[in-house]
């Protein structure tokens, strides 16, 4: 599935970025006396903040891809339902005398429930 592929890709990027920030934090906390003695708090803060700066853009891209995949899925389902209902009313009006509006409603409801349960 395309959604899963991109979700995994961007989640791995997020995990890598958080791991990088975690490494910096552990480094600084381990050597807190040295950092304080050399007055390097702001430098380490900037280094930590820069490692976290890419995370929001990764999250935005991940959300955008997931949203677009959801939109595509919903549009495809809508098109299929529209085509099925149009074809059903076409059969009722023209060709088949055995079909009725009741049968169309029952079949379309069953189809809708099948699609909804598989999502």
N, C-alpha and C. Protein backbone atom coordinates (compact mmCIF):
# COMPACT_ATOMS: atom_id res chain seq x y z
N UNK A 1 0.84 -1.17 0.00
CA UNK A 1 0.00 0.00 0.00
C UNK A 1 0.89 1.24 0.00
N UNK A 2 0.53 2.20 -0.79
CA UNK A 2 1.32 3.42 -0.94
C UNK A 2 1.34 4.23 0.35
N UNK A 3 0.23 4.29 1.05
CA UNK A 3 0.17 5.04 2.30
C UNK A 3 1.14 4.47 3.32
N UNK A 4 1.17 3.17 3.44
CA UNK A 4 2.06 2.53 4.41
C UNK A 4 3.51 2.77 4.04
N UNK A 5 3.84 2.69 2.76
CA UNK A 5 5.21 2.90 2.31
C UNK A 5 5.72 4.28 2.71
N UNK A 6 4.93 5.32 2.44
CA UNK A 6 5.36 6.67 2.77
C UNK A 6 5.32 6.93 4.27
N UNK A 7 4.36 6.36 4.97
CA UNK A 7 4.29 6.53 6.42
C UNK A 7 5.53 5.93 7.08
N UNK A 8 5.92 4.75 6.65
CA UNK A 8 7.12 4.12 7.19
C UNK A 8 8.35 4.96 6.88
N UNK A 9 8.44 5.46 5.65
CA UNK A 9 9.60 6.27 5.24
C UNK A 9 9.74 7.51 6.12
N UNK A 10 8.66 8.26 6.29
CA UNK A 10 8.75 9.49 7.07
C UNK A 10 8.85 9.22 8.57
N UNK A 11 8.28 8.13 9.05
CA UNK A 11 8.43 7.77 10.45
C UNK A 11 9.87 7.42 10.76
N UNK A 12 10.54 6.70 9.85
CA UNK A 12 11.95 6.39 10.04
C UNK A 12 12.80 7.65 10.06
N UNK A 13 12.46 8.62 9.20
CA UNK A 13 13.19 9.89 9.22
C UNK A 13 12.98 10.61 10.55
N UNK A 14 11.75 10.60 11.07
CA UNK A 14 11.49 11.23 12.36
C UNK A 14 12.26 10.54 13.48
N UNK A 15 12.26 9.23 13.48
CA UNK A 15 12.97 8.48 14.51
C UNK A 15 14.46 8.78 14.45
N UNK A 16 15.02 8.86 13.25
CA UNK A 16 16.44 9.17 13.09
C UNK A 16 16.74 10.58 13.62
N UNK A 17 15.88 11.54 13.32
CA UNK A 17 16.09 12.91 13.80
C UNK A 17 15.99 12.99 15.32
N UNK A 18 15.02 12.29 15.91
CA UNK A 18 14.92 12.27 17.37
C UNK A 18 16.12 11.57 18.00
N UNK A 19 16.61 10.52 17.35
CA UNK A 19 17.79 9.81 17.87
C UNK A 19 19.01 10.72 17.85
N UNK A 20 19.15 11.51 16.80
CA UNK A 20 20.26 12.46 16.71
C UNK A 20 20.18 13.49 17.84
N UNK A 21 18.99 14.02 18.08
CA UNK A 21 18.81 14.99 19.16
C UNK A 21 19.05 14.33 20.52
N UNK A 22 18.63 13.10 20.67
CA UNK A 22 18.85 12.37 21.92
C UNK A 22 20.34 12.16 22.17
N UNK A 23 21.09 11.86 21.12
CA UNK A 23 22.53 11.69 21.26
C UNK A 23 23.19 12.97 21.74
N UNK A 24 22.78 14.09 21.18
CA UNK A 24 23.33 15.38 21.60
C UNK A 24 22.99 15.65 23.06
N UNK A 25 21.75 15.40 23.45
CA UNK A 25 21.34 15.64 24.83
C UNK A 25 22.12 14.75 25.80
N UNK A 26 22.30 13.49 25.46
CA UNK A 26 23.07 12.60 26.32
C UNK A 26 24.52 13.04 26.43
N UNK A 27 25.09 13.47 25.32
CA UNK A 27 26.46 13.97 25.31
C UNK A 27 26.63 15.14 26.26
N UNK A 28 25.72 16.09 26.15
CA UNK A 28 25.80 17.30 26.97
C UNK A 28 25.56 16.99 28.44
N UNK A 29 24.58 16.16 28.73
CA UNK A 29 24.30 15.83 30.12
C UNK A 29 25.42 15.02 30.76
N UNK A 30 26.09 14.21 29.97
CA UNK A 30 27.21 13.44 30.50
C UNK A 30 28.38 14.37 30.84
N UNK A 31 28.59 15.37 30.02
CA UNK A 31 29.71 16.29 30.22
C UNK A 31 29.21 17.65 30.69
N UNK A 32 28.22 17.67 31.58
CA UNK A 32 27.61 18.93 31.99
C UNK A 32 28.60 19.85 32.70
N UNK A 33 29.52 19.27 33.46
CA UNK A 33 30.51 20.10 34.16
C UNK A 33 31.44 20.79 33.17
N UNK A 34 31.86 20.06 32.16
CA UNK A 34 32.75 20.64 31.15
C UNK A 34 32.03 21.72 30.36
N UNK A 35 30.80 21.45 29.96
CA UNK A 35 30.02 22.42 29.19
C UNK A 35 29.83 23.70 30.00
N UNK A 36 29.51 23.53 31.28
CA UNK A 36 29.30 24.70 32.13
C UNK A 36 30.62 25.45 32.38
N UNK A 37 31.69 24.71 32.61
CA UNK A 37 32.99 25.34 32.88
C UNK A 37 33.48 26.14 31.68
N UNK A 38 33.20 25.66 30.48
CA UNK A 38 33.65 26.36 29.27
C UNK A 38 32.59 27.32 28.74
N UNK A 39 31.51 27.49 29.48
CA UNK A 39 30.43 28.41 29.12
C UNK A 39 29.86 28.07 27.72
N UNK A 40 29.59 26.78 27.50
CA UNK A 40 29.12 26.34 26.20
C UNK A 40 27.64 25.99 26.16
N UNK A 41 26.88 26.50 27.12
CA UNK A 41 25.46 26.15 27.18
C UNK A 41 24.72 26.60 25.92
N UNK A 42 24.95 27.82 25.49
CA UNK A 42 24.23 28.33 24.32
C UNK A 42 24.63 27.60 23.04
N UNK A 43 25.91 27.27 22.94
CA UNK A 43 26.37 26.52 21.75
C UNK A 43 25.69 25.15 21.70
N UNK A 44 25.62 24.48 22.84
CA UNK A 44 24.99 23.16 22.89
C UNK A 44 23.48 23.27 22.68
N UNK A 45 22.90 24.33 23.20
CA UNK A 45 21.47 24.56 22.98
C UNK A 45 21.19 24.74 21.49
N UNK A 46 22.01 25.55 20.82
CA UNK A 46 21.84 25.78 19.38
C UNK A 46 22.03 24.48 18.59
N UNK A 47 23.00 23.69 19.00
CA UNK A 47 23.24 22.41 18.31
C UNK A 47 22.03 21.48 18.49
N UNK A 48 21.49 21.44 19.71
CA UNK A 48 20.32 20.61 19.98
C UNK A 48 19.10 21.12 19.22
N UNK A 49 18.89 22.43 19.23
CA UNK A 49 17.74 23.02 18.54
C UNK A 49 17.83 22.81 17.03
N UNK A 50 19.03 22.89 16.47
CA UNK A 50 19.17 22.67 15.03
C UNK A 50 18.89 21.22 14.65
N UNK A 51 19.21 20.30 15.57
CA UNK A 51 18.90 18.89 15.27
C UNK A 51 17.40 18.62 15.32
N UNK A 52 16.67 19.42 16.10
CA UNK A 52 15.22 19.26 16.18
C UNK A 52 14.46 20.06 15.12
N UNK A 53 15.14 20.95 14.43
CA UNK A 53 14.45 21.86 13.51
C UNK A 53 13.84 21.17 12.30
N UNK A 54 14.38 20.02 11.90
CA UNK A 54 13.85 19.34 10.72
C UNK A 54 12.63 18.47 11.03
N UNK A 55 12.37 18.20 12.29
CA UNK A 55 11.28 17.29 12.66
C UNK A 55 9.90 17.83 12.25
N UNK A 56 9.58 19.11 12.45
CA UNK A 56 8.25 19.58 12.01
C UNK A 56 8.02 19.45 10.51
N UNK A 57 9.05 19.69 9.71
CA UNK A 57 8.86 19.57 8.25
C UNK A 57 8.66 18.11 7.85
N UNK A 58 9.32 17.20 8.53
CA UNK A 58 9.11 15.77 8.25
C UNK A 58 7.68 15.38 8.63
N UNK A 59 7.22 15.85 9.78
CA UNK A 59 5.85 15.57 10.21
C UNK A 59 4.82 16.15 9.26
N UNK A 60 5.10 17.35 8.74
CA UNK A 60 4.19 17.98 7.78
C UNK A 60 4.11 17.15 6.50
N UNK A 61 5.26 16.71 5.99
CA UNK A 61 5.27 15.90 4.77
C UNK A 61 4.54 14.58 4.99
N UNK A 62 4.76 13.98 6.15
CA UNK A 62 4.09 12.72 6.47
C UNK A 62 2.57 12.91 6.51
N UNK A 63 2.12 13.96 7.17
CA UNK A 63 0.69 14.24 7.24
C UNK A 63 0.10 14.56 5.89
N UNK A 64 0.85 15.29 5.07
CA UNK A 64 0.38 15.64 3.73
C UNK A 64 0.20 14.39 2.88
N UNK A 65 1.17 13.49 2.91
CA UNK A 65 1.07 12.26 2.12
C UNK A 65 -0.09 11.40 2.61
N UNK A 66 -0.23 11.28 3.93
CA UNK A 66 -1.34 10.49 4.46
C UNK A 66 -2.69 11.10 4.08
N UNK A 67 -2.78 12.41 4.14
CA UNK A 67 -4.02 13.08 3.76
C UNK A 67 -4.35 12.91 2.29
N UNK A 68 -3.34 13.05 1.43
CA UNK A 68 -3.57 12.88 0.00
C UNK A 68 -3.98 11.45 -0.34
N UNK A 69 -3.35 10.48 0.31
CA UNK A 69 -3.74 9.08 0.08
C UNK A 69 -5.17 8.83 0.54
N UNK A 70 -5.56 9.43 1.65
CA UNK A 70 -6.93 9.28 2.14
C UNK A 70 -7.92 9.92 1.18
N UNK A 71 -7.58 11.10 0.68
CA UNK A 71 -8.45 11.78 -0.29
C UNK A 71 -8.60 10.93 -1.54
N UNK A 72 -7.49 10.40 -2.06
CA UNK A 72 -7.55 9.57 -3.25
C UNK A 72 -8.44 8.35 -3.02
N UNK A 73 -8.30 7.73 -1.87
CA UNK A 73 -9.12 6.56 -1.55
C UNK A 73 -10.60 6.92 -1.49
N UNK A 74 -10.92 8.02 -0.83
CA UNK A 74 -12.32 8.42 -0.72
C UNK A 74 -12.91 8.81 -2.07
N UNK A 75 -12.13 9.48 -2.90
CA UNK A 75 -12.61 9.86 -4.24
C UNK A 75 -12.86 8.60 -5.08
N UNK A 76 -11.94 7.64 -5.00
CA UNK A 76 -12.12 6.40 -5.76
C UNK A 76 -13.38 5.66 -5.31
N UNK A 77 -13.62 5.59 -4.01
CA UNK A 77 -14.82 4.94 -3.51
C UNK A 77 -16.07 5.70 -3.97
N UNK A 78 -16.02 7.01 -3.94
CA UNK A 78 -17.15 7.82 -4.42
C UNK A 78 -17.44 7.60 -5.88
N UNK A 79 -16.39 7.50 -6.69
CA UNK A 79 -16.58 7.25 -8.12
C UNK A 79 -17.21 5.88 -8.35
N UNK A 80 -16.74 4.88 -7.61
CA UNK A 80 -17.30 3.54 -7.76
C UNK A 80 -18.78 3.52 -7.36
N UNK A 81 -19.11 4.17 -6.24
CA UNK A 81 -20.51 4.23 -5.82
C UNK A 81 -21.37 4.96 -6.84
N UNK A 82 -20.86 6.06 -7.36
CA UNK A 82 -21.61 6.82 -8.36
C UNK A 82 -21.87 5.97 -9.60
N UNK A 83 -20.83 5.28 -10.06
CA UNK A 83 -20.99 4.44 -11.24
C UNK A 83 -21.98 3.30 -10.98
N UNK A 84 -21.89 2.70 -9.80
CA UNK A 84 -22.80 1.59 -9.47
C UNK A 84 -24.25 2.06 -9.40
N UNK A 85 -24.47 3.20 -8.76
CA UNK A 85 -25.84 3.71 -8.67
C UNK A 85 -26.37 4.16 -10.03
N UNK A 86 -25.52 4.76 -10.82
CA UNK A 86 -25.96 5.18 -12.15
C UNK A 86 -26.32 3.95 -12.99
N UNK A 87 -25.46 2.92 -12.95
CA UNK A 87 -25.73 1.72 -13.73
C UNK A 87 -26.99 1.02 -13.22
N UNK A 88 -27.19 1.02 -11.92
CA UNK A 88 -28.39 0.41 -11.36
C UNK A 88 -29.66 1.10 -11.83
N UNK A 89 -29.68 2.41 -11.79
CA UNK A 89 -30.87 3.12 -12.27
C UNK A 89 -31.03 2.98 -13.77
N UNK A 90 -29.92 2.85 -14.49
CA UNK A 90 -29.99 2.63 -15.94
C UNK A 90 -30.67 1.29 -16.23
N UNK A 91 -30.28 0.25 -15.49
CA UNK A 91 -30.91 -1.06 -15.67
C UNK A 91 -32.39 -1.02 -15.32
N UNK A 92 -32.72 -0.30 -14.26
CA UNK A 92 -34.13 -0.21 -13.86
C UNK A 92 -34.96 0.48 -14.94
N UNK A 93 -34.44 1.56 -15.50
CA UNK A 93 -35.20 2.34 -16.47
C UNK A 93 -35.28 1.69 -17.85
N UNK A 94 -34.26 0.97 -18.27
CA UNK A 94 -34.23 0.54 -19.66
C UNK A 94 -34.33 -0.96 -19.86
N UNK A 95 -33.35 -1.68 -19.47
CA UNK A 95 -33.21 -3.04 -19.96
C UNK A 95 -33.93 -4.11 -19.15
N UNK A 96 -33.68 -4.16 -17.89
CA UNK A 96 -34.13 -5.30 -17.10
C UNK A 96 -35.43 -5.00 -16.38
N UNK A 97 -36.40 -5.83 -16.61
CA UNK A 97 -37.70 -5.65 -15.96
C UNK A 97 -37.70 -6.28 -14.55
N UNK A 98 -36.68 -7.09 -14.25
CA UNK A 98 -36.66 -7.75 -12.94
C UNK A 98 -36.07 -6.88 -11.85
N UNK A 99 -35.39 -5.81 -12.22
CA UNK A 99 -34.80 -4.92 -11.22
C UNK A 99 -35.82 -3.88 -10.78
N UNK A 100 -35.70 -3.48 -9.52
CA UNK A 100 -36.56 -2.41 -9.00
C UNK A 100 -35.70 -1.49 -8.14
N UNK A 101 -36.28 -0.38 -7.73
CA UNK A 101 -35.55 0.56 -6.88
C UNK A 101 -35.19 -0.07 -5.54
N UNK A 102 -36.04 -0.94 -5.04
CA UNK A 102 -35.75 -1.63 -3.77
C UNK A 102 -34.53 -2.51 -3.87
N UNK A 103 -34.41 -3.24 -4.97
CA UNK A 103 -33.24 -4.10 -5.17
C UNK A 103 -31.98 -3.24 -5.28
N UNK A 104 -32.08 -2.12 -5.98
CA UNK A 104 -30.93 -1.22 -6.11
C UNK A 104 -30.48 -0.71 -4.74
N UNK A 105 -31.41 -0.33 -3.90
CA UNK A 105 -31.08 0.17 -2.57
C UNK A 105 -30.42 -0.92 -1.73
N UNK A 106 -30.97 -2.13 -1.77
CA UNK A 106 -30.41 -3.23 -0.99
C UNK A 106 -29.00 -3.57 -1.46
N UNK A 107 -28.82 -3.67 -2.77
CA UNK A 107 -27.50 -4.02 -3.31
C UNK A 107 -26.49 -2.91 -3.00
N UNK A 108 -26.89 -1.66 -3.17
CA UNK A 108 -25.95 -0.57 -2.90
C UNK A 108 -25.62 -0.48 -1.41
N UNK A 109 -26.57 -0.76 -0.54
CA UNK A 109 -26.30 -0.76 0.90
C UNK A 109 -25.34 -1.88 1.27
N UNK A 110 -25.54 -3.07 0.71
CA UNK A 110 -24.61 -4.17 0.95
C UNK A 110 -23.21 -3.84 0.45
N UNK A 111 -23.15 -3.24 -0.72
CA UNK A 111 -21.86 -2.83 -1.29
C UNK A 111 -21.18 -1.80 -0.39
N UNK A 112 -21.95 -0.84 0.10
CA UNK A 112 -21.41 0.19 0.98
C UNK A 112 -20.88 -0.42 2.27
N UNK A 113 -21.61 -1.35 2.85
CA UNK A 113 -21.17 -1.99 4.09
C UNK A 113 -19.91 -2.83 3.87
N UNK A 114 -19.82 -3.49 2.72
CA UNK A 114 -18.62 -4.27 2.40
C UNK A 114 -17.40 -3.37 2.28
N UNK A 115 -17.54 -2.27 1.57
CA UNK A 115 -16.43 -1.33 1.41
C UNK A 115 -16.06 -0.70 2.75
N UNK A 116 -17.05 -0.31 3.53
CA UNK A 116 -16.79 0.34 4.83
C UNK A 116 -16.09 -0.61 5.80
N UNK A 117 -16.45 -1.87 5.78
CA UNK A 117 -15.82 -2.81 6.71
C UNK A 117 -14.40 -3.17 6.30
N UNK A 118 -14.06 -2.97 5.04
CA UNK A 118 -12.70 -3.31 4.60
C UNK A 118 -11.73 -2.15 4.75
N UNK A 119 -12.22 -0.97 5.09
CA UNK A 119 -11.33 0.19 5.22
C UNK A 119 -10.67 0.19 6.57
